[in-house]
Amino acid sequence: MLLLGLDTATAVTTVALMRSVTHAAPEVLGERSHLDPRGHGEVLPVQIDEVLRAAGAVPADLDAIAVGRGPGAFTGLRVGLATAQAMGQALRIPVYGASTLDVVAYGTGRDEPFAVATDARRREFFWATYSRFDARSSPPTVGSPTAAHDALSGMTVICPPGMPMIDGLVAAEGGHPTGSSLGRLVLSRLERGQPLDAPTPLYLRRPDATPASGHKSVLA
């Protein structure tokens, strides 16, 4: 199976091309990551083209696509999901979703309990807890620093470099998702026959932009 993994739910745009053979570790044929919270739309198509070219492949060679479904910033998240869904429809191949927090957790390889937290803006955080790298023990949540502290006290928290940290918690950097971790996670779930998420956004709160409350007369 040739799988393209992409995630744009955080400040990082990340893409990887993976080849999977039954009962063997997936092979990473190409990977690109770029840190820019406002550049997802410009960077993602270039990265997809680069990883395919590096492997001597074209879109028609793909067997499946995996995409991070958040939680994350509304605009960036939609870039990745819309791209994955459009490619899946055009190529007539399946598109699988996975929580971006699960992707980060999977990439740690940790066997002991821990948490993953990311910056949700508005002075809030997204987080989830894990009994090990491939087993989530609480659902993705959004909340204030106080709520995060109460939920995660005593746990090691994996977070992105430079994220405003929650007072009193033990932080360990390494919280950016990668396309290869996403690909490995989805391929592992497929091989084990585990349920896979739909490629739909995981929203934990309303978007920053809201419709206007009323219409202003153009004659006023």
C-alpha atoms as a PDB file:
ATOM      1  CA  MET A   1       0.000   0.000   0.000  1.00  0.00           C
ATOM      2  CA  LEU A   2       1.204   3.484  -0.880  1.00  0.00           C
ATOM      3  CA  LEU A   3      -0.219   5.987   1.621  1.00  0.00           C
ATOM      4  CA  LEU A   4       0.045   9.774   1.755  1.00  0.00           C
ATOM      5  CA  GLY A   5      -0.187  11.266   5.258  1.00  0.00           C
ATOM      6  CA  LEU A   6      -0.786  14.983   5.840  1.00  0.00           C
ATOM      7  CA  ASP A   7      -1.634  17.198   8.805  1.00  0.00           C
ATOM      8  CA  THR A   8      -2.293  20.952   8.970  1.00  0.00           C
ATOM      9  CA  ALA A   9      -4.075  21.206  12.332  1.00  0.00           C
ATOM     10  CA  THR A  10      -1.183  22.943  14.115  1.00  0.00           C
ATOM     11  CA  ALA A  11       1.384  25.574  13.151  1.00  0.00           C
ATOM     12  CA  VAL A  12       3.235  22.833  11.252  1.00  0.00           C
ATOM     13  CA  THR A  13       2.298  21.644   7.767  1.00  0.00           C
ATOM     14  CA  THR A  14       3.583  18.089   7.453  1.00  0.00           C
ATOM     15  CA  VAL A  15       3.409  15.480   4.669  1.00  0.00           C
ATOM     16  CA  ALA A  16       4.872  11.987   4.317  1.00  0.00           C
ATOM     17  CA  LEU A  17       4.683   9.251   1.710  1.00  0.00           C
ATOM     18  CA  MET A  18       4.669   5.740   3.180  1.00  0.00           C
ATOM     19  CA  ARG A  19       4.924   2.267   1.678  1.00  0.00           C
ATOM     20  CA  SER A  20       3.412  -0.550   3.705  1.00  0.00           C
ATOM     21  CA  VAL A  21       4.045  -4.256   3.211  1.00  0.00           C
ATOM     22  CA  THR A  22       2.153  -6.832   5.302  1.00  0.00           C
ATOM     23  CA  HIS A  23       3.946  -7.811   8.532  1.00  0.00           C
ATOM     24  CA  ALA A  24       6.766  -5.312   7.926  1.00  0.00           C
ATOM     25  CA  ALA A  25       7.451  -1.850   9.311  1.00  0.00           C
ATOM     26  CA  PRO A  26       6.197   0.904   6.968  1.00  0.00           C
ATOM     27  CA  GLU A  27       8.879   2.575   4.864  1.00  0.00           C
ATOM     28  CA  VAL A  28       9.038   6.369   4.702  1.00  0.00           C
ATOM     29  CA  LEU A  29       9.679   7.283   1.061  1.00  0.00           C
ATOM     30  CA  GLY A  30       9.649  11.035   1.633  1.00  0.00           C
ATOM     31  CA  GLU A  31       8.685  13.569   4.287  1.00  0.00           C
ATOM     32  CA  ARG A  32       8.411  17.354   4.552  1.00  0.00           C
ATOM     33  CA  SER A  33       7.481  19.612   7.484  1.00  0.00           C
ATOM     34  CA  HIS A  34       7.241  23.404   7.574  1.00  0.00           C
ATOM     35  CA  LEU A  35       6.568  25.660  10.565  1.00  0.00           C
ATOM     36  CA  ASP A  36       4.294  28.602   9.668  1.00  0.00           C
ATOM     37  CA  PRO A  37       0.893  29.053  11.332  1.00  0.00           C
ATOM     38  CA  ARG A  38      -0.450  31.019   8.339  1.00  0.00           C
ATOM     39  CA  GLY A  39       1.148  29.226   5.394  1.00  0.00           C
ATOM     40  CA  HIS A  40      -0.702  25.905   5.177  1.00  0.00           C
ATOM     41  CA  GLY A  41      -2.493  26.633   1.919  1.00  0.00           C
ATOM     42  CA  GLU A  42       0.665  27.712   0.113  1.00  0.00           C
ATOM     43  CA  VAL A  43       2.982  25.051   1.516  1.00  0.00           C
ATOM     44  CA  LEU A  44       0.848  21.890   1.420  1.00  0.00           C
ATOM     45  CA  PRO A  45       0.559  21.421  -2.393  1.00  0.00           C
ATOM     46  CA  VAL A  46       4.312  21.980  -2.780  1.00  0.00           C
ATOM     47  CA  GLN A  47       5.117  19.416  -0.097  1.00  0.00           C
ATOM     48  CA  ILE A  48       2.806  16.818  -1.638  1.00  0.00           C
ATOM     49  CA  ASP A  49       4.449  17.303  -5.015  1.00  0.00           C
ATOM     50  CA  GLU A  50       7.942  17.089  -3.487  1.00  0.00           C
ATOM     51  CA  VAL A  51       7.396  13.820  -1.609  1.00  0.00           C
ATOM     52  CA  LEU A  52       5.798  12.188  -4.636  1.00  0.00           C
ATOM     53  CA  ARG A  53       8.590  13.314  -6.960  1.00  0.00           C
ATOM     54  CA  ALA A  54      11.258  12.154  -4.495  1.00  0.00           C
ATOM     55  CA  ALA A  55       9.778   8.641  -4.642  1.00  0.00           C
ATOM     56  CA  GLY A  56       9.264   8.684  -8.407  1.00  0.00           C
ATOM     57  CA  ALA A  57       5.507   8.478  -7.864  1.00  0.00           C
ATOM     58  CA  VAL A  58       2.438  10.320  -9.110  1.00  0.00           C
ATOM     59  CA  PRO A  59      -0.944  10.852  -7.404  1.00  0.00           C
ATOM     60  CA  ALA A  60      -2.506   7.994  -9.378  1.00  0.00           C
ATOM     61  CA  ASP A  61      -0.091   5.587  -7.632  1.00  0.00           C
ATOM     62  CA  LEU A  62      -1.622   6.281  -4.203  1.00  0.00           C
ATOM     63  CA  ASP A  63      -3.766   3.622  -2.532  1.00  0.00           C
ATOM     64  CA  ALA A  64      -4.984   5.703   0.433  1.00  0.00           C
ATOM     65  CA  ILE A  65      -4.662   9.057   2.196  1.00  0.00           C
ATOM     66  CA  ALA A  66      -4.457   9.755   5.943  1.00  0.00           C
ATOM     67  CA  VAL A  67      -5.234  13.195   7.350  1.00  0.00           C
ATOM     68  CA  GLY A  68      -5.025  14.788  10.789  1.00  0.00           C
ATOM     69  CA  ARG A  69      -8.470  15.938  11.913  1.00  0.00           C
ATOM     70  CA  GLY A  70      -7.449  18.153  14.818  1.00  0.00           C
ATOM     71  CA  PRO A  71      -8.283  19.635  17.175  1.00  0.00           C
ATOM     72  CA  GLY A  72      -6.604  22.736  15.837  1.00  0.00           C
ATOM     73  CA  ALA A  73      -7.025  26.161  14.297  1.00  0.00           C
ATOM     74  CA  PHE A  74     -10.133  26.342  12.110  1.00  0.00           C
ATOM     75  CA  THR A  75      -8.521  27.659   8.917  1.00  0.00           C
ATOM     76  CA  GLY A  76      -5.397  25.517   8.941  1.00  0.00           C
ATOM     77  CA  LEU A  77      -7.353  22.378   9.788  1.00  0.00           C
ATOM     78  CA  ARG A  78      -9.711  22.890   6.872  1.00  0.00           C
ATOM     79  CA  VAL A  79      -6.816  23.195   4.400  1.00  0.00           C
ATOM     80  CA  GLY A  80      -5.591  19.676   5.105  1.00  0.00           C
ATOM     81  CA  LEU A  81      -9.027  18.081   5.301  1.00  0.00           C
ATOM     82  CA  ALA A  82     -10.284  19.714   2.115  1.00  0.00           C
ATOM     83  CA  THR A  83      -7.117  18.701   0.248  1.00  0.00           C
ATOM     84  CA  ALA A  84      -7.301  15.095   1.456  1.00  0.00           C
ATOM     85  CA  GLN A  85     -11.008  14.773   0.641  1.00  0.00           C
ATOM     86  CA  ALA A  86     -10.599  16.321  -2.806  1.00  0.00           C
ATOM     87  CA  MET A  87      -7.685  14.023  -3.670  1.00  0.00           C
ATOM     88  CA  GLY A  88      -9.550  10.994  -2.365  1.00  0.00           C
ATOM     89  CA  GLN A  89     -12.587  11.765  -4.506  1.00  0.00           C
ATOM     90  CA  ALA A  90     -10.536  12.522  -7.607  1.00  0.00           C
ATOM     91  CA  LEU A  91      -8.407   9.372  -7.247  1.00  0.00           C
ATOM     92  CA  ARG A  92     -11.267   7.201  -5.926  1.00  0.00           C
ATOM     93  CA  ILE A  93      -9.239   5.997  -2.957  1.00  0.00           C
ATOM     94  CA  PRO A  94     -10.101   5.865   0.774  1.00  0.00           C
ATOM     95  CA  VAL A  95      -9.290   8.775   3.081  1.00  0.00           C
ATOM     96  CA  TYR A  96      -8.738   7.998   6.772  1.00  0.00           C
ATOM     97  CA  GLY A  97      -8.750  10.490   9.639  1.00  0.00           C
ATOM     98  CA  ALA A  98      -6.911  10.508  12.960  1.00  0.00           C
ATOM     99  CA  SER A  99      -6.823  12.928  15.872  1.00  0.00           C
ATOM    100  CA  THR A 100      -3.750  15.136  15.687  1.00  0.00           C
ATOM    101  CA  LEU A 101      -3.230  14.592  19.426  1.00  0.00           C
ATOM    102  CA  ASP A 102      -3.157  10.823  18.756  1.00  0.00           C
ATOM    103  CA  VAL A 103      -0.578  11.415  16.017  1.00  0.00           C
ATOM    104  CA  VAL A 104       1.694  13.295  18.420  1.00  0.00           C
ATOM    105  CA  ALA A 105       1.235  10.604  21.070  1.00  0.00           C
ATOM    106  CA  TYR A 106       2.044   7.818  18.604  1.00  0.00           C
ATOM    107  CA  GLY A 107       5.240   9.553  17.592  1.00  0.00           C
ATOM    108  CA  THR A 108       6.574   9.506  21.174  1.00  0.00           C
ATOM    109  CA  GLY A 109       6.704   5.715  21.411  1.00  0.00           C
ATOM    110  CA  ARG A 110       6.188   6.056  25.187  1.00  0.00           C
ATOM    111  CA  ASP A 111       4.983   3.033  27.155  1.00  0.00           C
ATOM    112  CA  GLU A 112       4.152   4.914  30.371  1.00  0.00           C
ATOM    113  CA  PRO A 113       1.153   7.256  30.987  1.00  0.00           C
ATOM    114  CA  PHE A 114       1.483  10.821  29.670  1.00  0.00           C
ATOM    115  CA  ALA A 115      -0.521  13.645  28.123  1.00  0.00           C
ATOM    116  CA  VAL A 116      -0.346  15.649  24.902  1.00  0.00           C
ATOM    117  CA  ALA A 117      -1.248  19.359  24.920  1.00  0.00           C
ATOM    118  CA  THR A 118      -1.306  21.971  22.163  1.00  0.00           C
ATOM    119  CA  ASP A 119      -2.033  25.695  22.103  1.00  0.00           C
ATOM    120  CA  ALA A 120      -5.726  26.339  21.393  1.00  0.00           C
ATOM    121  CA  ARG A 121      -5.281  30.146  21.482  1.00  0.00           C
ATOM    122  CA  ARG A 122      -7.753  32.339  23.396  1.00  0.00           C
ATOM    123  CA  ARG A 123      -5.573  31.468  26.433  1.00  0.00           C
ATOM    124  CA  GLU A 124      -6.778  27.864  26.244  1.00  0.00           C
ATOM    125  CA  PHE A 125      -5.255  24.454  25.516  1.00  0.00           C
ATOM    126  CA  PHE A 126      -6.242  21.256  23.728  1.00  0.00           C
ATOM    127  CA  TRP A 127      -5.232  18.051  25.492  1.00  0.00           C
ATOM    128  CA  ALA A 128      -5.775  14.309  25.855  1.00  0.00           C
ATOM    129  CA  THR A 129      -4.220  11.666  28.115  1.00  0.00           C
ATOM    130  CA  TYR A 130      -2.672   8.318  27.144  1.00  0.00           C
ATOM    131  CA  SER A 131      -1.817   5.097  28.967  1.00  0.00           C
ATOM    132  CA  ARG A 132       0.813   4.482  26.256  1.00  0.00           C
ATOM    133  CA  PHE A 133       1.675   5.854  22.828  1.00  0.00           C
ATOM    134  CA  ASP A 134      -1.117   3.993  21.029  1.00  0.00           C
ATOM    135  CA  ALA A 135      -3.837   4.005  23.693  1.00  0.00           C
ATOM    136  CA  ARG A 136      -5.772   7.158  24.565  1.00  0.00           C
ATOM    137  CA  SER A 137      -7.283   7.186  28.063  1.00  0.00           C
ATOM    138  CA  SER A 138      -9.356  10.390  27.874  1.00  0.00           C
ATOM    139  CA  PRO A 139     -11.050  12.199  24.978  1.00  0.00           C
ATOM    140  CA  PRO A 140      -9.642  15.353  23.366  1.00  0.00           C
ATOM    141  CA  THR A 141     -10.608  18.356  25.489  1.00  0.00           C
ATOM    142  CA  VAL A 142     -10.286  22.139  25.362  1.00  0.00           C
ATOM    143  CA  GLY A 143     -10.069  24.344  28.424  1.00  0.00           C
ATOM    144  CA  SER A 144      -8.381  27.021  30.474  1.00  0.00           C
ATOM    145  CA  PRO A 145      -4.918  26.712  32.041  1.00  0.00           C
ATOM    146  CA  THR A 146      -6.617  25.993  35.368  1.00  0.00           C
ATOM    147  CA  ALA A 147      -8.720  23.199  33.873  1.00  0.00           C
ATOM    148  CA  ALA A 148      -5.667  21.753  32.126  1.00  0.00           C
ATOM    149  CA  HIS A 149      -3.646  21.879  35.341  1.00  0.00           C
ATOM    150  CA  ASP A 150      -6.367  20.072  37.268  1.00  0.00           C
ATOM    151  CA  ALA A 151      -6.723  17.382  34.583  1.00  0.00           C
ATOM    152  CA  LEU A 152      -3.018  16.800  33.930  1.00  0.00           C
ATOM    153  CA  SER A 153      -1.410  17.331  37.340  1.00  0.00           C
ATOM    154  CA  GLY A 154       1.277  14.731  38.039  1.00  0.00           C
ATOM    155  CA  MET A 155       1.642  13.697  34.384  1.00  0.00           C
ATOM    156  CA  THR A 156       4.390  14.391  31.871  1.00  0.00           C
ATOM    157  CA  VAL A 157       2.909  16.650  29.200  1.00  0.00           C
ATOM    158  CA  ILE A 158       4.195  16.488  25.621  1.00  0.00           C
ATOM    159  CA  CYS A 159       3.875  19.924  24.023  1.00  0.00           C
ATOM    160  CA  PRO A 160       5.249  21.853  21.021  1.00  0.00           C
ATOM    161  CA  PRO A 161       8.451  23.875  21.482  1.00  0.00           C
ATOM    162  CA  GLY A 162       7.683  27.457  22.448  1.00  0.00           C
ATOM    163  CA  MET A 163       4.118  26.813  23.606  1.00  0.00           C
ATOM    164  CA  PRO A 164       3.062  28.835  26.672  1.00  0.00           C
ATOM    165  CA  MET A 165       3.323  26.244  29.407  1.00  0.00           C
ATOM    166  CA  ILE A 166       0.813  25.529  32.130  1.00  0.00           C
ATOM    167  CA  ASP A 167       2.175  26.435  35.555  1.00  0.00           C
ATOM    168  CA  GLY A 168       2.961  23.466  37.749  1.00  0.00           C
ATOM    169  CA  LEU A 169       3.065  20.823  35.010  1.00  0.00           C
ATOM    170  CA  VAL A 170       6.095  18.856  33.850  1.00  0.00           C
ATOM    171  CA  ALA A 171       6.600  19.582  30.145  1.00  0.00           C
ATOM    172  CA  ALA A 172       8.532  17.548  27.581  1.00  0.00           C
ATOM    173  CA  GLU A 173       8.968  19.060  24.132  1.00  0.00           C
ATOM    174  CA  GLY A 174       8.148  17.037  21.042  1.00  0.00           C
ATOM    175  CA  GLY A 175       4.542  17.974  20.431  1.00  0.00           C
ATOM    176  CA  HIS A 176       4.550  18.672  16.677  1.00  0.00           C
ATOM    177  CA  PRO A 177       2.753  16.060  14.547  1.00  0.00           C
ATOM    178  CA  THR A 178       4.625  14.474  11.639  1.00  0.00           C
ATOM    179  CA  GLY A 179       3.298  12.957   8.455  1.00  0.00           C
ATOM    180  CA  SER A 180       5.238   9.752   9.117  1.00  0.00           C
ATOM    181  CA  SER A 181       3.741   9.323  12.615  1.00  0.00           C
ATOM    182  CA  LEU A 182       0.286   9.855  11.124  1.00  0.00           C
ATOM    183  CA  GLY A 183       0.986   7.277   8.421  1.00  0.00           C
ATOM    184  CA  ARG A 184       2.314   4.712  10.912  1.00  0.00           C
ATOM    185  CA  LEU A 185      -0.681   5.229  13.196  1.00  0.00           C
ATOM    186  CA  VAL A 186      -3.254   4.741  10.445  1.00  0.00           C
ATOM    187  CA  LEU A 187      -1.406   1.785   8.900  1.00  0.00           C
ATOM    188  CA  SER A 188      -1.154   0.138  12.324  1.00  0.00           C
ATOM    189  CA  ARG A 189      -4.895   0.525  12.887  1.00  0.00           C
ATOM    190  CA  LEU A 190      -5.631  -0.861   9.430  1.00  0.00           C
ATOM    191  CA  GLU A 191      -3.399  -3.891   9.989  1.00  0.00           C
ATOM    192  CA  ARG A 192      -4.997  -4.609  13.371  1.00  0.00           C
ATOM    193  CA  GLY A 193      -8.515  -4.153  12.077  1.00  0.00           C
ATOM    194  CA  GLN A 194      -9.133  -1.279  14.489  1.00  0.00           C
ATOM    195  CA  PRO A 195     -11.789   1.365  13.760  1.00  0.00           C
ATOM    196  CA  LEU A 196     -10.598   4.406  11.826  1.00  0.00           C
ATOM    197  CA  ASP A 197     -11.869   7.969  12.059  1.00  0.00           C
ATOM    198  CA  ALA A 198     -13.701   9.659   9.229  1.00  0.00           C
ATOM    199  CA  PRO A 199     -11.790  12.545   7.572  1.00  0.00           C
ATOM    200  CA  THR A 200     -13.948  15.159   9.284  1.00  0.00           C
ATOM    201  CA  PRO A 201     -12.832  18.057  11.517  1.00  0.00           C
ATOM    202  CA  LEU A 202     -12.627  17.497  15.263  1.00  0.00           C
ATOM    203  CA  TYR A 203     -14.009  20.793  16.547  1.00  0.00           C
ATOM    204  CA  LEU A 204     -14.065  21.323  20.312  1.00  0.00           C
ATOM    205  CA  ARG A 205     -15.432  24.886  20.226  1.00  0.00           C
ATOM    206  CA  ARG A 206     -16.959  27.409  17.863  1.00  0.00           C
ATOM    207  CA  PRO A 207     -14.714  29.224  15.326  1.00  0.00           C
ATOM    208  CA  ASP A 208     -13.414  32.713  16.105  1.00  0.00           C
ATOM    209  CA  ALA A 209     -15.390  34.215  13.213  1.00  0.00           C
ATOM    210  CA  THR A 210     -19.152  34.487  13.736  1.00  0.00           C
ATOM    211  CA  PRO A 211     -21.986  35.702  11.472  1.00  0.00           C
ATOM    212  CA  ALA A 212     -23.081  39.310  11.850  1.00  0.00           C
ATOM    213  CA  SER A 213     -26.023  39.742  14.205  1.00  0.00           C
ATOM    214  CA  GLY A 214     -27.980  41.880  11.743  1.00  0.00           C
ATOM    215  CA  HIS A 215     -27.940  43.589   8.372  1.00  0.00           C
ATOM    216  CA  LYS A 216     -27.044  47.237   7.949  1.00  0.00           C
ATOM    217  CA  SER A 217     -29.085  49.222   5.467  1.00  0.00           C
ATOM    218  CA  VAL A 218     -27.094  50.468   2.473  1.00  0.00           C
ATOM    219  CA  LEU A 219     -29.324  53.562   2.472  1.00  0.00           C
ATOM    220  CA  ALA A 220     -28.402  54.632   6.009  1.00  0.00           C
END
